[in-house]
Amino acid sequence: KAIAVRGTKDVNLARGAEFMEHMKGVTDYIKYRNANPIPD
């Protein structure tokens, strides 16, 4: 369900660009929902 990382070295993702693109989509949705709350 989750990965916890602790330490001083870099964390390398196998498909980092794909992950960051996915996270951008999540962030965009959060911003959209905050600006457009569900009515009623």
PDB file of all heavy atoms in Angstrom:
ATOM      1  N   LYS A   1       0.815  -1.212   0.000  1.00  0.00           N
ATOM      2  CA  LYS A   1       0.000   0.000   0.000  1.00  0.00           C
ATOM      3  C   LYS A   1       0.846   1.259   0.000  1.00  0.00           C
ATOM      4  O   LYS A   1       0.434   2.289  -0.493  1.00  0.00           O
ATOM      5  CB  LYS A   1      -0.931   0.023   1.211  1.00  0.00           C
ATOM      6  CG  LYS A   1      -1.836  -1.168   1.318  1.00  0.00           C
ATOM      7  CD  LYS A   1      -2.803  -1.229   0.172  1.00  0.00           C
ATOM      8  CE  LYS A   1      -3.730  -2.424   0.359  1.00  0.00           C
ATOM      9  NZ  LYS A   1      -4.321  -2.875  -0.847  1.00  0.00           N
ATOM     10  N   ALA A   2       2.017   1.208   0.589  1.00  0.00           N
ATOM     11  CA  ALA A   2       2.863   2.396   0.675  1.00  0.00           C
ATOM     12  C   ALA A   2       4.305   1.971   0.896  1.00  0.00           C
ATOM     13  O   ALA A   2       4.577   0.847   1.319  1.00  0.00           O
ATOM     14  CB  ALA A   2       2.405   3.287   1.823  1.00  0.00           C
ATOM     15  N   ILE A   3       5.186   2.888   0.592  1.00  0.00           N
ATOM     16  CA  ILE A   3       6.608   2.673   0.839  1.00  0.00           C
ATOM     17  C   ILE A   3       7.108   3.856   1.642  1.00  0.00           C
ATOM     18  O   ILE A   3       6.901   5.004   1.264  1.00  0.00           O
ATOM     19  CB  ILE A   3       7.393   2.570  -0.482  1.00  0.00           C
ATOM     20  CG1 ILE A   3       6.927   1.349  -1.276  1.00  0.00           C
ATOM     21  CG2 ILE A   3       8.886   2.496  -0.196  1.00  0.00           C
ATOM     22  CD1 ILE A   3       7.570   1.232  -2.622  1.00  0.00           C
ATOM     23  N   ALA A   4       7.757   3.581   2.755  1.00  0.00           N
ATOM     24  CA  ALA A   4       8.348   4.634   3.573  1.00  0.00           C
ATOM     25  C   ALA A   4       9.855   4.609   3.334  1.00  0.00           C
ATOM     26  O   ALA A   4      10.471   3.551   3.322  1.00  0.00           O
ATOM     27  CB  ALA A   4       8.041   4.410   5.046  1.00  0.00           C
ATOM     28  N   VAL A   5      10.425   5.773   3.108  1.00  0.00           N
ATOM     29  CA  VAL A   5      11.853   5.871   2.819  1.00  0.00           C
ATOM     30  C   VAL A   5      12.491   6.778   3.852  1.00  0.00           C
ATOM     31  O   VAL A   5      11.986   7.858   4.139  1.00  0.00           O
ATOM     32  CB  VAL A   5      12.083   6.437   1.400  1.00  0.00           C
ATOM     33  CG1 VAL A   5      13.556   6.556   1.102  1.00  0.00           C
ATOM     34  CG2 VAL A   5      11.380   5.575   0.365  1.00  0.00           C
ATOM     35  N   ARG A   6      13.616   6.308   4.390  1.00  0.00           N
ATOM     36  CA  ARG A   6      14.339   7.113   5.364  1.00  0.00           C
ATOM     37  C   ARG A   6      15.825   6.981   5.054  1.00  0.00           C
ATOM     38  O   ARG A   6      16.317   5.895   4.796  1.00  0.00           O
ATOM     39  CB  ARG A   6      14.047   6.611   6.774  1.00  0.00           C
ATOM     40  CG  ARG A   6      14.758   7.381   7.833  1.00  0.00           C
ATOM     41  CD  ARG A   6      14.389   6.861   9.183  1.00  0.00           C
ATOM     42  NE  ARG A   6      15.202   7.503  10.187  1.00  0.00           N
ATOM     43  CZ  ARG A   6      15.243   7.147  11.437  1.00  0.00           C
ATOM     44  NH1 ARG A   6      14.520   6.143  11.859  1.00  0.00           N
ATOM     45  NH2 ARG A   6      16.001   7.780  12.282  1.00  0.00           N
ATOM     46  N   GLY A   7      16.525   8.069   5.064  1.00  0.00           N
ATOM     47  CA  GLY A   7      17.951   7.994   4.810  1.00  0.00           C
ATOM     48  C   GLY A   7      18.470   9.274   4.196  1.00  0.00           C
ATOM     49  O   GLY A   7      17.770  10.278   4.117  1.00  0.00           O
ATOM     50  N   THR A   8      19.714   9.214   3.744  1.00  0.00           N
ATOM     51  CA  THR A   8      20.357  10.412   3.215  1.00  0.00           C
ATOM     52  C   THR A   8      20.652  10.321   1.728  1.00  0.00           C
ATOM     53  O   THR A   8      21.069  11.293   1.127  1.00  0.00           O
ATOM     54  CB  THR A   8      21.679  10.662   3.963  1.00  0.00           C
ATOM     55  OG1 THR A   8      22.516   9.513   3.822  1.00  0.00           O
ATOM     56  CG2 THR A   8      21.416  10.939   5.439  1.00  0.00           C
ATOM     57  N   LYS A   9      20.436   9.156   1.126  1.00  0.00           N
ATOM     58  CA  LYS A   9      20.726   8.994  -0.292  1.00  0.00           C
ATOM     59  C   LYS A   9      19.487   9.277  -1.125  1.00  0.00           C
ATOM     60  O   LYS A   9      18.365   9.310  -0.623  1.00  0.00           O
ATOM     61  CB  LYS A   9      21.252   7.591  -0.566  1.00  0.00           C
ATOM     62  CG  LYS A   9      22.581   7.341   0.138  1.00  0.00           C
ATOM     63  CD  LYS A   9      23.159   6.012  -0.238  1.00  0.00           C
ATOM     64  CE  LYS A   9      24.489   5.853   0.485  1.00  0.00           C
ATOM     65  NZ  LYS A   9      25.166   4.647   0.112  1.00  0.00           N
ATOM     66  N   ASP A  10      19.696   9.468  -2.424  1.00  0.00           N
ATOM     67  CA  ASP A  10      18.593   9.738  -3.344  1.00  0.00           C
ATOM     68  C   ASP A  10      17.686   8.520  -3.488  1.00  0.00           C
ATOM     69  O   ASP A  10      18.120   7.383  -3.335  1.00  0.00           O
ATOM     70  CB  ASP A  10      19.132  10.106  -4.725  1.00  0.00           C
ATOM     71  CG  ASP A  10      19.837  11.448  -4.727  1.00  0.00           C
ATOM     72  OD1 ASP A  10      19.585  12.245  -3.809  1.00  0.00           O
ATOM     73  OD2 ASP A  10      20.627  11.688  -5.653  1.00  0.00           O
ATOM     74  N   VAL A  11      16.431   8.788  -3.801  1.00  0.00           N
ATOM     75  CA  VAL A  11      15.474   7.741  -4.113  1.00  0.00           C
ATOM     76  C   VAL A  11      15.323   7.724  -5.628  1.00  0.00           C
ATOM     77  O   VAL A  11      14.972   8.731  -6.242  1.00  0.00           O
ATOM     78  CB  VAL A  11      14.105   8.018  -3.440  1.00  0.00           C
ATOM     79  CG1 VAL A  11      13.095   6.970  -3.846  1.00  0.00           C
ATOM     80  CG2 VAL A  11      14.266   8.062  -1.936  1.00  0.00           C
ATOM     81  N   ASN A  12      15.601   6.588  -6.228  1.00  0.00           N
ATOM     82  CA  ASN A  12      15.509   6.460  -7.682  1.00  0.00           C
ATOM     83  C   ASN A  12      14.256   5.677  -8.044  1.00  0.00           C
ATOM     84  O   ASN A  12      14.044   4.568  -7.545  1.00  0.00           O
ATOM     85  CB  ASN A  12      16.752   5.759  -8.228  1.00  0.00           C
ATOM     86  CG  ASN A  12      18.004   6.572  -7.968  1.00  0.00           C
ATOM     87  OD1 ASN A  12      18.045   7.756  -8.266  1.00  0.00           O
ATOM     88  ND2 ASN A  12      19.013   5.948  -7.377  1.00  0.00           N
ATOM     89  N   LEU A  13      13.431   6.259  -8.892  1.00  0.00           N
ATOM     90  CA  LEU A  13      12.223   5.590  -9.360  1.00  0.00           C
ATOM     91  C   LEU A  13      12.492   4.945 -10.709  1.00  0.00           C
ATOM     92  O   LEU A  13      13.203   5.500 -11.550  1.00  0.00           O
ATOM     93  CB  LEU A  13      11.080   6.599  -9.499  1.00  0.00           C
ATOM     94  CG  LEU A  13      10.686   7.355  -8.231  1.00  0.00           C
ATOM     95  CD1 LEU A  13       9.645   8.413  -8.550  1.00  0.00           C
ATOM     96  CD2 LEU A  13      10.154   6.392  -7.192  1.00  0.00           C
ATOM     97  N   ALA A  14      11.882   3.790 -10.935  1.00  0.00           N
ATOM     98  CA  ALA A  14      12.080   3.087 -12.201  1.00  0.00           C
ATOM     99  C   ALA A  14      11.550   3.916 -13.370  1.00  0.00           C
ATOM    100  O   ALA A  14      12.189   4.006 -14.411  1.00  0.00           O
ATOM    101  CB  ALA A  14      11.398   1.722 -12.155  1.00  0.00           C
ATOM    102  N   ARG A  15      10.368   4.511 -13.203  1.00  0.00           N
ATOM    103  CA  ARG A  15       9.762   5.339 -14.253  1.00  0.00           C
ATOM    104  C   ARG A  15       9.379   6.681 -13.627  1.00  0.00           C
ATOM    105  O   ARG A  15       8.203   7.014 -13.501  1.00  0.00           O
ATOM    106  CB  ARG A  15       8.548   4.626 -14.837  1.00  0.00           C
ATOM    107  CG  ARG A  15       8.910   3.304 -15.519  1.00  0.00           C
ATOM    108  CD  ARG A  15       7.756   2.640 -16.231  1.00  0.00           C
ATOM    109  NE  ARG A  15       6.511   2.591 -15.507  1.00  0.00           N
ATOM    110  CZ  ARG A  15       6.077   1.550 -14.794  1.00  0.00           C
ATOM    111  NH1 ARG A  15       6.813   0.468 -14.692  1.00  0.00           N
ATOM    112  NH2 ARG A  15       4.920   1.578 -14.191  1.00  0.00           N
ATOM    113  N   GLY A  16      10.404   7.430 -13.244  1.00  0.00           N
ATOM    114  CA  GLY A  16      10.208   8.679 -12.516  1.00  0.00           C
ATOM    115  C   GLY A  16       9.383   9.709 -13.259  1.00  0.00           C
ATOM    116  O   GLY A  16       8.501  10.346 -12.681  1.00  0.00           O
ATOM    117  N   ALA A  17       9.636   9.877 -14.579  1.00  0.00           N
ATOM    118  CA  ALA A  17       8.885  10.869 -15.360  1.00  0.00           C
ATOM    119  C   ALA A  17       7.406  10.493 -15.426  1.00  0.00           C
ATOM    120  O   ALA A  17       6.528  11.353 -15.303  1.00  0.00           O
ATOM    121  CB  ALA A  17       9.475  10.978 -16.761  1.00  0.00           C
ATOM    122  N   GLU A  18       7.131   9.202 -15.580  1.00  0.00           N
ATOM    123  CA  GLU A  18       5.743   8.729 -15.626  1.00  0.00           C
ATOM    124  C   GLU A  18       5.053   8.969 -14.285  1.00  0.00           C
ATOM    125  O   GLU A  18       3.900   9.401 -14.221  1.00  0.00           O
ATOM    126  CB  GLU A  18       5.733   7.237 -15.976  1.00  0.00           C
ATOM    127  CG  GLU A  18       4.355   6.643 -16.085  1.00  0.00           C
ATOM    128  CD  GLU A  18       4.413   5.150 -16.371  1.00  0.00           C
ATOM    129  OE1 GLU A  18       5.403   4.663 -16.945  1.00  0.00           O
ATOM    130  OE2 GLU A  18       3.435   4.472 -15.989  1.00  0.00           O
ATOM    131  N   PHE A  19       5.773   8.707 -13.194  1.00  0.00           N
ATOM    132  CA  PHE A  19       5.237   8.930 -11.854  1.00  0.00           C
ATOM    133  C   PHE A  19       4.928  10.410 -11.635  1.00  0.00           C
ATOM    134  O   PHE A  19       3.861  10.765 -11.133  1.00  0.00           O
ATOM    135  CB  PHE A  19       6.230   8.435 -10.799  1.00  0.00           C
ATOM    136  CG  PHE A  19       5.798   8.727  -9.398  1.00  0.00           C
ATOM    137  CD1 PHE A  19       4.817   7.978  -8.782  1.00  0.00           C
ATOM    138  CD2 PHE A  19       6.382   9.776  -8.681  1.00  0.00           C
ATOM    139  CE1 PHE A  19       4.411   8.257  -7.488  1.00  0.00           C
ATOM    140  CE2 PHE A  19       5.983  10.055  -7.393  1.00  0.00           C
ATOM    141  CZ  PHE A  19       5.004   9.292  -6.793  1.00  0.00           C
ATOM    142  N   MET A  20       5.857  11.279 -12.009  1.00  0.00           N
ATOM    143  CA  MET A  20       5.650  12.712 -11.817  1.00  0.00           C
ATOM    144  C   MET A  20       4.488  13.222 -12.671  1.00  0.00           C
ATOM    145  O   MET A  20       3.743  14.112 -12.240  1.00  0.00           O
ATOM    146  CB  MET A  20       6.932  13.490 -12.114  1.00  0.00           C
ATOM    147  CG  MET A  20       8.042  13.222 -11.105  1.00  0.00           C
ATOM    148  SD  MET A  20       7.531  13.410  -9.378  1.00  0.00           S
ATOM    149  CE  MET A  20       7.257  15.154  -9.289  1.00  0.00           C
ATOM    150  N   GLU A  21       4.310  12.684 -13.855  1.00  0.00           N
ATOM    151  CA  GLU A  21       3.167  13.070 -14.697  1.00  0.00           C
ATOM    152  C   GLU A  21       1.850  12.649 -14.034  1.00  0.00           C
ATOM    153  O   GLU A  21       0.877  13.385 -14.031  1.00  0.00           O
ATOM    154  CB  GLU A  21       3.302  12.447 -16.087  1.00  0.00           C
ATOM    155  CG  GLU A  21       2.305  12.966 -17.079  1.00  0.00           C
ATOM    156  CD  GLU A  21       2.435  14.465 -17.348  1.00  0.00           C
ATOM    157  OE1 GLU A  21       3.545  15.013 -17.280  1.00  0.00           O
ATOM    158  OE2 GLU A  21       1.387  15.094 -17.624  1.00  0.00           O
ATOM    159  N   HIS A  22       1.853  11.449 -13.457  1.00  0.00           N
ATOM    160  CA  HIS A  22       0.671  10.980 -12.734  1.00  0.00           C
ATOM    161  C   HIS A  22       0.382  11.888 -11.534  1.00  0.00           C
ATOM    162  O   HIS A  22      -0.765  12.261 -11.287  1.00  0.00           O
ATOM    163  CB  HIS A  22       0.869   9.534 -12.272  1.00  0.00           C
ATOM    164  CG  HIS A  22      -0.269   8.996 -11.475  1.00  0.00           C
ATOM    165  ND1 HIS A  22      -1.499   8.710 -12.027  1.00  0.00           N
ATOM    166  CD2 HIS A  22      -0.376   8.712 -10.150  1.00  0.00           C
ATOM    167  CE1 HIS A  22      -2.318   8.280 -11.088  1.00  0.00           C
ATOM    168  NE2 HIS A  22      -1.655   8.270  -9.937  1.00  0.00           N
ATOM    169  N   MET A  23       1.402  12.255 -10.791  1.00  0.00           N
ATOM    170  CA  MET A  23       1.229  13.124  -9.633  1.00  0.00           C
ATOM    171  C   MET A  23       0.737  14.510 -10.047  1.00  0.00           C
ATOM    172  O   MET A  23      -0.040  15.135  -9.330  1.00  0.00           O
ATOM    173  CB  MET A  23       2.530  13.242  -8.840  1.00  0.00           C
ATOM    174  CG  MET A  23       2.940  11.951  -8.156  1.00  0.00           C
ATOM    175  SD  MET A  23       1.629  11.205  -7.164  1.00  0.00           S
ATOM    176  CE  MET A  23       1.335  12.462  -5.961  1.00  0.00           C
ATOM    177  N   LYS A  24       1.167  14.993 -11.189  1.00  0.00           N
ATOM    178  CA  LYS A  24       0.673  16.276 -11.701  1.00  0.00           C
ATOM    179  C   LYS A  24      -0.826  16.191 -11.948  1.00  0.00           C
ATOM    180  O   LYS A  24      -1.577  17.111 -11.638  1.00  0.00           O
ATOM    181  CB  LYS A  24       1.400  16.665 -12.975  1.00  0.00           C
ATOM    182  CG  LYS A  24       0.975  18.012 -13.520  1.00  0.00           C
ATOM    183  CD  LYS A  24       1.696  18.324 -14.828  1.00  0.00           C
ATOM    184  CE  LYS A  24       1.273  19.633 -15.430  1.00  0.00           C
ATOM    185  NZ  LYS A  24      -0.144  19.892 -15.486  1.00  0.00           N
ATOM    186  N   GLY A  25      -1.278  15.050 -12.499  1.00  0.00           N
ATOM    187  CA  GLY A  25      -2.712  14.850 -12.706  1.00  0.00           C
ATOM    188  C   GLY A  25      -3.492  14.851 -11.405  1.00  0.00           C
ATOM    189  O   GLY A  25      -4.578  15.425 -11.309  1.00  0.00           O
ATOM    190  N   VAL A  26      -2.937  14.214 -10.379  1.00  0.00           N
ATOM    191  CA  VAL A  26      -3.586  14.194  -9.065  1.00  0.00           C
ATOM    192  C   VAL A  26      -3.666  15.604  -8.494  1.00  0.00           C
ATOM    193  O   VAL A  26      -4.714  16.041  -7.996  1.00  0.00           O
ATOM    194  CB  VAL A  26      -2.827  13.247  -8.100  1.00  0.00           C
ATOM    195  CG1 VAL A  26      -3.337  13.391  -6.679  1.00  0.00           C
ATOM    196  CG2 VAL A  26      -2.937  11.809  -8.572  1.00  0.00           C
ATOM    197  N   THR A  27      -2.568  16.327  -8.572  1.00  0.00           N
ATOM    198  CA  THR A  27      -2.532  17.703  -8.061  1.00  0.00           C
ATOM    199  C   THR A  27      -3.507  18.594  -8.815  1.00  0.00           C
ATOM    200  O   THR A  27      -4.222  19.400  -8.205  1.00  0.00           O
ATOM    201  CB  THR A  27      -1.106  18.278  -8.158  1.00  0.00           C
ATOM    202  OG1 THR A  27      -0.228  17.429  -7.418  1.00  0.00           O
ATOM    203  CG2 THR A  27      -1.034  19.681  -7.596  1.00  0.00           C
ATOM    204  N   ASP A  28      -3.573  18.441 -10.126  1.00  0.00           N
ATOM    205  CA  ASP A  28      -4.525  19.228 -10.922  1.00  0.00           C
ATOM    206  C   ASP A  28      -5.958  18.932 -10.513  1.00  0.00           C
ATOM    207  O   ASP A  28      -6.796  19.836 -10.431  1.00  0.00           O
ATOM    208  CB  ASP A  28      -4.339  18.957 -12.415  1.00  0.00           C
ATOM    209  CG  ASP A  28      -3.053  19.536 -12.960  1.00  0.00           C
ATOM    210  OD1 ASP A  28      -2.442  20.385 -12.270  1.00  0.00           O
ATOM    211  OD2 ASP A  28      -2.653  19.128 -14.069  1.00  0.00           O
ATOM    212  N   TYR A  29      -6.272  17.658 -10.241  1.00  0.00           N
ATOM    213  CA  TYR A  29      -7.629  17.297  -9.821  1.00  0.00           C
ATOM    214  C   TYR A  29      -7.952  17.910  -8.457  1.00  0.00           C
ATOM    215  O   TYR A  29      -9.059  18.407  -8.245  1.00  0.00           O
ATOM    216  CB  TYR A  29      -7.825  15.783  -9.775  1.00  0.00           C
ATOM    217  CG  TYR A  29      -9.213  15.427  -9.320  1.00  0.00           C
ATOM    218  CD1 TYR A  29     -10.301  15.599 -10.175  1.00  0.00           C
ATOM    219  CD2 TYR A  29      -9.451  14.978  -8.031  1.00  0.00           C
ATOM    220  CE1 TYR A  29     -11.585  15.308  -9.757  1.00  0.00           C
ATOM    221  CE2 TYR A  29     -10.728  14.681  -7.606  1.00  0.00           C
ATOM    222  CZ  TYR A  29     -11.791  14.855  -8.469  1.00  0.00           C
ATOM    223  OH  TYR A  29     -13.058  14.585  -8.047  1.00  0.00           O
ATOM    224  N   ILE A  30      -7.013  17.872  -7.532  1.00  0.00           N
ATOM    225  CA  ILE A  30      -7.224  18.470  -6.209  1.00  0.00           C
ATOM    226  C   ILE A  30      -7.536  19.964  -6.363  1.00  0.00           C
ATOM    227  O   ILE A  30      -8.484  20.478  -5.768  1.00  0.00           O
ATOM    228  CB  ILE A  30      -6.013  18.254  -5.290  1.00  0.00           C
ATOM    229  CG1 ILE A  30      -5.900  16.783  -4.905  1.00  0.00           C
ATOM    230  CG2 ILE A  30      -6.100  19.126  -4.044  1.00  0.00           C
ATOM    231  CD1 ILE A  30      -4.623  16.434  -4.164  1.00  0.00           C
ATOM    232  N   LYS A  31      -6.751  20.641  -7.171  1.00  0.00           N
ATOM    233  CA  LYS A  31      -6.977  22.074  -7.386  1.00  0.00           C
ATOM    234  C   LYS A  31      -8.334  22.322  -8.045  1.00  0.00           C
ATOM    235  O   LYS A  31      -9.052  23.249  -7.675  1.00  0.00           O
ATOM    236  CB  LYS A  31      -5.857  22.664  -8.234  1.00  0.00           C
ATOM    237  CG  LYS A  31      -4.533  22.746  -7.504  1.00  0.00           C
ATOM    238  CD  LYS A  31      -3.429  23.258  -8.405  1.00  0.00           C
ATOM    239  CE  LYS A  31      -2.107  23.310  -7.680  1.00  0.00           C
ATOM    240  NZ  LYS A  31      -1.011  23.740  -8.554  1.00  0.00           N
ATOM    241  N   TYR A  32      -8.700  21.490  -9.021  1.00  0.00           N
ATOM    242  CA  TYR A  32     -10.001  21.629  -9.694  1.00  0.00           C
ATOM    243  C   TYR A  32     -11.140  21.430  -8.697  1.00  0.00           C
ATOM    244  O   TYR A  32     -12.085  22.209  -8.654  1.00  0.00           O
ATOM    245  CB  TYR A  32     -10.125  20.621 -10.837  1.00  0.00           C
ATOM    246  CG  TYR A  32     -11.512  20.569 -11.410  1.00  0.00           C
ATOM    247  CD1 TYR A  32     -11.951  21.533 -12.315  1.00  0.00           C
ATOM    248  CD2 TYR A  32     -12.403  19.580 -11.007  1.00  0.00           C
ATOM    249  CE1 TYR A  32     -13.237  21.504 -12.819  1.00  0.00           C
ATOM    250  CE2 TYR A  32     -13.701  19.543 -11.512  1.00  0.00           C
ATOM    251  CZ  TYR A  32     -14.111  20.509 -12.413  1.00  0.00           C
ATOM    252  OH  TYR A  32     -15.387  20.475 -12.903  1.00  0.00           O
ATOM    253  N   ARG A  33     -11.068  20.373  -7.888  1.00  0.00           N
ATOM    254  CA  ARG A  33     -12.150  20.085  -6.943  1.00  0.00           C
ATOM    255  C   ARG A  33     -12.255  21.188  -5.902  1.00  0.00           C
ATOM    256  O   ARG A  33     -13.350  21.556  -5.490  1.00  0.00           O
ATOM    257  CB  ARG A  33     -11.908  18.729  -6.275  1.00  0.00           C
ATOM    258  CG  ARG A  33     -12.966  18.300  -5.304  1.00  0.00           C
ATOM    259  CD  ARG A  33     -14.403  18.310  -5.815  1.00  0.00           C
ATOM    260  NE  ARG A  33     -14.596  17.476  -6.959  1.00  0.00           N
ATOM    261  CZ  ARG A  33     -15.394  17.801  -7.976  1.00  0.00           C
ATOM    262  NH1 ARG A  33     -16.069  18.926  -7.980  1.00  0.00           N
ATOM    263  NH2 ARG A  33     -15.526  17.014  -9.003  1.00  0.00           N
ATOM    264  N   ASN A  34     -11.129  21.753  -5.471  1.00  0.00           N
ATOM    265  CA  ASN A  34     -11.174  22.860  -4.506  1.00  0.00           C
ATOM    266  C   ASN A  34     -11.845  24.086  -5.118  1.00  0.00           C
ATOM    267  O   ASN A  34     -12.562  24.813  -4.436  1.00  0.00           O
ATOM    268  CB  ASN A  34      -9.774  23.213  -4.018  1.00  0.00           C
ATOM    269  CG  ASN A  34      -9.246  22.204  -3.034  1.00  0.00           C
ATOM    270  OD1 ASN A  34      -9.996  21.458  -2.415  1.00  0.00           O
ATOM    271  ND2 ASN A  34      -7.941  22.168  -2.886  1.00  0.00           N
ATOM    272  N   ALA A  35     -11.603  24.328  -6.399  1.00  0.00           N
ATOM    273  CA  ALA A  35     -12.208  25.486  -7.069  1.00  0.00           C
ATOM    274  C   ALA A  35     -13.653  25.218  -7.465  1.00  0.00           C
ATOM    275  O   ALA A  35     -14.422  26.158  -7.665  1.00  0.00           O
ATOM    276  CB  ALA A  35     -11.392  25.858  -8.308  1.00  0.00           C
ATOM    277  N   ASN A  36     -14.046  23.949  -7.571  1.00  0.00           N
ATOM    278  CA  ASN A  36     -15.391  23.570  -8.013  1.00  0.00           C
ATOM    279  C   ASN A  36     -15.980  22.540  -7.056  1.00  0.00           C
ATOM    280  O   ASN A  36     -16.076  21.356  -7.398  1.00  0.00           O
ATOM    281  CB  ASN A  36     -15.338  22.978  -9.423  1.00  0.00           C
ATOM    282  CG  ASN A  36     -14.754  23.941 -10.412  1.00  0.00           C
ATOM    283  OD1 ASN A  36     -15.398  24.887 -10.811  1.00  0.00           O
ATOM    284  ND2 ASN A  36     -13.507  23.711 -10.797  1.00  0.00           N
ATOM    285  N   PRO A  37     -16.388  22.952  -5.857  1.00  0.00           N
ATOM    286  CA  PRO A  37     -16.940  21.988  -4.901  1.00  0.00           C
ATOM    287  C   PRO A  37     -18.239  21.369  -5.417  1.00  0.00           C
ATOM    288  O   PRO A  37     -18.957  21.977  -6.214  1.00  0.00           O
ATOM    289  CB  PRO A  37     -17.173  22.817  -3.641  1.00  0.00           C
ATOM    290  CG  PRO A  37     -17.165  24.229  -4.079  1.00  0.00           C
ATOM    291  CD  PRO A  37     -16.384  24.312  -5.342  1.00  0.00           C
ATOM    292  N   ILE A  38     -18.512  20.165  -4.955  1.00  0.00           N
ATOM    293  CA  ILE A  38     -19.731  19.467  -5.343  1.00  0.00           C
ATOM    294  C   ILE A  38     -20.915  20.197  -4.710  1.00  0.00           C
ATOM    295  O   ILE A  38     -20.941  20.405  -3.500  1.00  0.00           O
ATOM    296  CB  ILE A  38     -19.683  18.008  -4.876  1.00  0.00           C
ATOM    297  CG1 ILE A  38     -18.499  17.301  -5.526  1.00  0.00           C
ATOM    298  CG2 ILE A  38     -20.990  17.295  -5.198  1.00  0.00           C
ATOM    299  CD1 ILE A  38     -18.200  15.937  -4.943  1.00  0.00           C
ATOM    300  N   PRO A  39     -21.894  20.599  -5.508  1.00  0.00           N
ATOM    301  CA  PRO A  39     -23.035  21.345  -4.948  1.00  0.00           C
ATOM    302  C   PRO A  39     -24.003  20.439  -4.181  1.00  0.00           C
ATOM    303  O   PRO A  39     -24.054  19.231  -4.411  1.00  0.00           O
ATOM    304  CB  PRO A  39     -23.712  21.940  -6.187  1.00  0.00           C
ATOM    305  CG  PRO A  39     -23.329  21.022  -7.304  1.00  0.00           C
ATOM    306  CD  PRO A  39     -21.983  20.467  -6.958  1.00  0.00           C
ATOM    307  N   ASP A  40     -24.733  21.033  -3.276  1.00  0.00           N
ATOM    308  CA  ASP A  40     -25.820  20.384  -2.549  1.00  0.00           C
ATOM    309  C   ASP A  40     -25.387  19.218  -1.654  1.00  0.00           C
ATOM    310  O   ASP A  40     -26.159  18.296  -1.429  1.00  0.00           O
ATOM    311  CB  ASP A  40     -26.914  19.917  -3.509  1.00  0.00           C
ATOM    312  CG  ASP A  40     -27.483  21.059  -4.324  1.00  0.00           C
ATOM    313  OD1 ASP A  40     -27.618  22.174  -3.773  1.00  0.00           O
ATOM    314  OD2 ASP A  40     -27.772  20.855  -5.521  1.00  0.00           O
TER     315      ASP A  40
END
